[in-house]
Amino acid sequence: MLENTMAAPTLSDFTSQLKTRNIAKPNMYYVQIVPPPSMAFGDTNLVSMWCSAAHTPHTYLMTNDNYLEAGIKRKYAYDVDHQNLVLNFYLDQDYRIKQFFDEWKHRIVPYNRQFNYPDNYTAENITVYLIDNADENVYKYEYSRVFPKTINSVELSYANGTTIAGLNVEFVFEDVYYTSFKNTDMLFSSKPQVNIQQERQNITNAELNKNMNPRDRK
């Protein structure tokens, strides 16, 4: 039997990689929020810029243990699920960001126990960009067909006079796709070539380009 003759990485190899590649910083990101086409209210640039915390997808592969092969019980994946997207926002003194999400909630439930049609309150996407020190895109996650499920309360207290007011919003979505920009060995996007969401909402290319982040424009 041939032994693996590959040398184990050394400490010098590790430090060399650190100097060459650098370590990712969790504060290097940008979030783009494009509201539903029917929702003209609000400064979406302000809402996007004041997103103070985000995360990449929490992905769950569901497995089954009942598969037998040559007498060996093996696991296999049969479905995939994602945890809801939670974004945190700083609040401006005019509460325009809070009003943005209150208006979005009103689009979903215009009146008590009366709900709008999903296409009238579902956003085409929310995109989380991971960027490098040169402010260039490295990676992005695009959440498709999104709307807020939970808009948390804003805590008000005299004791918190020096605290920055914030708002947490939990979003549900249909799917999430990733795109690699910088790794030349793995330039890839998991997004299908046919944009099903665009067909559902009848959004024209001109409208998409109008709402597109300048980072994505060629």
Protein backbone atom coordinates (compact mmCIF):
# COMPACT_ATOMS: atom_id res chain seq x y z
CA MET A 1 0.00 0.00 0.00
CA LEU A 2 1.43 3.38 -1.00
CA GLU A 3 1.73 5.92 1.77
CA ASN A 4 0.73 9.53 1.34
CA THR A 5 4.01 11.38 0.91
CA MET A 6 2.50 14.88 1.00
CA ALA A 7 4.26 16.95 3.65
CA ALA A 8 2.15 18.36 6.46
CA PRO A 9 1.75 22.17 6.47
CA THR A 10 4.26 23.98 8.65
CA LEU A 11 3.91 27.10 10.76
CA SER A 12 5.79 29.01 8.07
CA ASP A 13 3.23 27.87 5.49
CA PHE A 14 0.45 29.12 7.75
CA THR A 15 1.98 32.57 8.31
CA SER A 16 2.75 32.86 4.59
CA GLN A 17 -0.91 32.19 3.75
CA LEU A 18 -1.99 34.80 6.30
CA LYS A 19 0.21 37.44 4.67
CA THR A 20 -0.93 36.50 1.16
CA ARG A 21 -4.66 36.07 1.68
CA ASN A 22 -5.43 38.09 4.83
CA ILE A 23 -8.23 37.13 7.18
CA ALA A 24 -11.84 38.02 6.45
CA LYS A 25 -13.32 40.71 8.68
CA PRO A 26 -16.98 40.36 9.72
CA ASN A 27 -17.56 44.11 9.46
CA MET A 28 -16.73 44.15 5.73
CA TYR A 29 -20.17 43.73 4.18
CA TYR A 30 -22.95 45.66 2.49
CA VAL A 31 -26.68 44.89 2.35
CA GLN A 32 -28.93 45.91 -0.52
CA ILE A 33 -32.68 45.95 0.08
CA VAL A 34 -35.00 46.31 -2.89
CA PRO A 35 -38.61 46.72 -1.68
CA PRO A 36 -41.64 45.29 -3.48
CA PRO A 37 -42.39 47.04 -6.80
CA SER A 38 -45.71 48.32 -5.43
CA MET A 39 -44.00 49.97 -2.45
CA ALA A 40 -42.75 53.37 -3.55
CA PHE A 41 -42.31 54.73 -0.02
CA GLY A 42 -39.00 55.07 1.76
CA ASP A 43 -35.31 55.76 1.28
CA THR A 44 -34.01 52.28 0.46
CA ASN A 45 -30.42 53.52 0.31
CA LEU A 46 -30.70 54.76 3.90
CA VAL A 47 -32.21 51.46 5.06
CA SER A 48 -29.51 49.46 3.27
CA MET A 49 -26.62 51.55 4.60
CA TRP A 50 -27.82 51.50 8.20
CA CYS A 51 -27.98 47.71 8.42
CA SER A 52 -25.73 47.21 11.47
CA ALA A 53 -25.62 43.40 11.50
CA ALA A 54 -26.34 40.57 9.07
CA HIS A 55 -25.34 36.96 8.55
CA THR A 56 -24.70 34.45 5.81
CA PRO A 57 -27.33 31.68 5.39
CA HIS A 58 -27.90 29.13 8.12
CA THR A 59 -28.30 25.98 6.01
CA TYR A 60 -29.69 22.64 7.16
CA LEU A 61 -29.38 19.43 5.14
CA MET A 62 -32.05 17.00 6.22
CA THR A 63 -30.88 13.39 6.21
CA ASN A 64 -32.42 9.94 6.44
CA ASP A 65 -30.71 6.96 8.10
CA ASN A 66 -32.79 4.19 6.53
CA TYR A 67 -30.62 3.63 3.46
CA LEU A 68 -28.75 0.31 3.45
CA GLU A 69 -25.89 -0.40 1.07
CA ALA A 70 -23.99 -3.71 1.28
CA GLY A 71 -25.33 -4.17 4.78
CA ILE A 72 -24.09 -0.76 5.93
CA LYS A 73 -26.52 1.87 7.12
CA ARG A 74 -25.71 5.16 5.44
CA LYS A 75 -27.11 8.66 5.67
CA TYR A 76 -28.38 10.48 2.60
CA ALA A 77 -29.68 14.00 2.09
CA TYR A 78 -33.27 14.40 0.95
CA ASP A 79 -34.05 18.08 1.53
CA VAL A 80 -32.45 21.41 2.37
CA ASP A 81 -33.79 24.21 4.54
CA HIS A 82 -32.57 27.62 5.63
CA GLN A 83 -33.08 29.58 8.80
CA ASN A 84 -34.84 32.91 8.39
CA LEU A 85 -32.74 35.97 7.61
CA VAL A 86 -32.35 38.39 10.53
CA LEU A 87 -31.04 41.92 9.92
CA ASN A 88 -30.33 44.56 12.55
CA PHE A 89 -30.66 48.27 11.81
CA TYR A 90 -29.57 51.50 13.46
CA LEU A 91 -32.48 53.94 13.68
CA ASP A 92 -32.22 57.52 12.45
CA GLN A 93 -33.61 60.34 14.57
CA ASP A 94 -36.54 60.86 12.18
CA TYR A 95 -37.41 57.15 12.42
CA ARG A 96 -37.57 56.87 8.64
CA ILE A 97 -36.12 53.35 8.84
CA LYS A 98 -38.81 52.32 11.33
CA GLN A 99 -41.45 53.87 9.09
CA PHE A 100 -40.08 51.92 6.12
CA PHE A 101 -40.80 48.58 7.83
CA ASP A 102 -44.11 49.76 9.28
CA GLU A 103 -45.17 50.61 5.73
CA TRP A 104 -43.99 47.20 4.52
CA LYS A 105 -46.07 45.53 7.23
CA HIS A 106 -49.05 47.64 6.14
CA ARG A 107 -48.59 46.31 2.59
CA ILE A 108 -48.94 42.78 3.96
CA VAL A 109 -51.88 43.48 6.29
CA PRO A 110 -53.70 46.62 5.08
CA TYR A 111 -56.52 46.07 7.57
CA ASN A 112 -57.04 43.79 10.53
CA ARG A 113 -57.29 40.16 9.37
CA GLN A 114 -57.21 41.20 5.71
CA PHE A 115 -54.09 40.18 3.82
CA ASN A 116 -52.74 41.41 0.53
CA TYR A 117 -51.75 39.24 -2.43
CA PRO A 118 -48.14 37.97 -1.99
CA ASP A 119 -46.82 39.64 -5.16
CA ASN A 120 -47.90 43.00 -3.71
CA TYR A 121 -45.68 42.68 -0.63
CA THR A 122 -42.90 40.28 -1.64
CA ALA A 123 -39.56 41.86 -2.54
CA GLU A 124 -37.59 40.54 -5.48
CA ASN A 125 -34.48 40.08 -3.35
CA ILE A 126 -32.27 41.13 -0.48
CA THR A 127 -28.56 40.80 -1.20
CA VAL A 128 -25.71 40.52 1.30
CA TYR A 129 -22.30 41.41 -0.18
CA LEU A 130 -19.02 40.37 1.42
CA ILE A 131 -16.27 42.83 0.49
CA ASP A 132 -12.51 43.11 0.89
CA ASN A 133 -10.23 45.90 2.08
CA ALA A 134 -10.30 47.44 -1.42
CA ASP A 135 -14.12 47.76 -1.19
CA GLU A 136 -14.57 45.18 -3.95
CA ASN A 137 -17.10 42.35 -3.99
CA VAL A 138 -15.73 38.99 -2.95
CA TYR A 139 -18.91 37.01 -2.41
CA LYS A 140 -22.63 37.64 -2.32
CA TYR A 141 -25.75 35.90 -1.08
CA GLU A 142 -29.01 36.76 -2.79
CA TYR A 143 -32.22 35.94 -0.92
CA SER A 144 -35.17 35.69 -3.33
CA ARG A 145 -38.85 36.54 -2.78
CA VAL A 146 -38.48 38.11 0.63
CA PHE A 147 -40.82 39.77 3.09
CA PRO A 148 -40.57 40.58 6.82
CA LYS A 149 -42.07 38.04 9.20
CA THR A 150 -41.17 39.68 12.51
CA ILE A 151 -40.54 43.39 13.12
CA ASN A 152 -39.28 43.61 16.66
CA SER A 153 -40.14 46.41 19.04
CA VAL A 154 -37.85 49.35 19.79
CA GLU A 155 -36.88 49.44 23.44
CA LEU A 156 -37.52 52.87 24.97
CA SER A 157 -36.05 53.72 28.37
CA TYR A 158 -34.68 56.75 30.21
CA ALA A 159 -31.91 54.50 31.52
CA ASN A 160 -30.65 53.90 27.97
CA GLY A 161 -30.01 57.54 27.12
CA THR A 162 -26.57 56.86 25.60
CA THR A 163 -27.58 53.69 23.77
CA ILE A 164 -28.00 53.66 19.99
CA ALA A 165 -31.59 52.85 19.05
CA GLY A 166 -31.90 49.76 16.89
CA LEU A 167 -34.43 47.55 15.17
CA ASN A 168 -34.26 43.82 14.42
CA VAL A 169 -36.24 42.44 11.49
CA GLU A 170 -36.67 38.76 10.61
CA PHE A 171 -37.34 37.93 6.95
CA VAL A 172 -38.66 34.80 5.29
CA PHE A 173 -37.56 33.97 1.76
CA GLU A 174 -38.06 31.39 -0.97
CA ASP A 175 -34.44 30.53 -1.77
CA VAL A 176 -30.91 31.84 -1.47
CA TYR A 177 -28.15 31.86 -4.10
CA TYR A 178 -24.46 32.57 -3.82
CA THR A 179 -21.97 34.07 -6.25
CA SER A 180 -18.16 34.09 -6.07
CA PHE A 181 -16.39 37.12 -7.57
CA LYS A 182 -12.72 36.91 -6.62
CA ASN A 183 -11.70 33.25 -6.59
CA THR A 184 -10.56 32.73 -10.19
CA ASP A 185 -10.54 28.95 -9.70
CA MET A 186 -14.18 28.89 -8.62
CA LEU A 187 -16.02 31.77 -10.30
CA PHE A 188 -19.52 30.45 -9.94
CA SER A 189 -23.10 31.38 -9.21
CA SER A 190 -25.72 28.95 -7.94
CA LYS A 191 -28.54 31.12 -9.27
CA PRO A 192 -30.53 29.52 -12.13
CA GLN A 193 -30.12 31.05 -15.57
CA VAL A 194 -33.87 31.65 -15.87
CA ASN A 195 -35.01 34.26 -13.39
CA ILE A 196 -38.34 32.84 -12.20
CA GLN A 197 -38.93 35.71 -9.79
CA GLN A 198 -38.71 38.29 -12.58
CA GLU A 199 -41.39 36.46 -14.54
CA ARG A 200 -43.67 36.26 -11.49
CA GLN A 201 -43.63 39.98 -10.79
CA ASN A 202 -43.33 41.06 -14.45
CA ILE A 203 -40.37 43.31 -13.63
CA THR A 204 -38.72 44.69 -16.75
CA ASN A 205 -34.96 44.75 -17.26
CA ALA A 206 -35.04 48.55 -17.07
CA GLU A 207 -36.71 48.42 -13.67
CA LEU A 208 -34.24 45.84 -12.42
CA ASN A 209 -31.32 47.98 -13.60
CA LYS A 210 -32.80 51.03 -11.86
CA ASN A 211 -32.85 49.20 -8.51
CA MET A 212 -29.57 47.37 -9.05
CA ASN A 213 -26.68 48.03 -6.72
CA PRO A 214 -23.94 49.93 -8.65
CA ARG A 215 -21.56 47.16 -7.55
CA ASP A 216 -23.36 44.73 -9.89
CA ARG A 217 -23.51 46.98 -12.94
CA LYS A 218 -21.04 46.20 -15.72
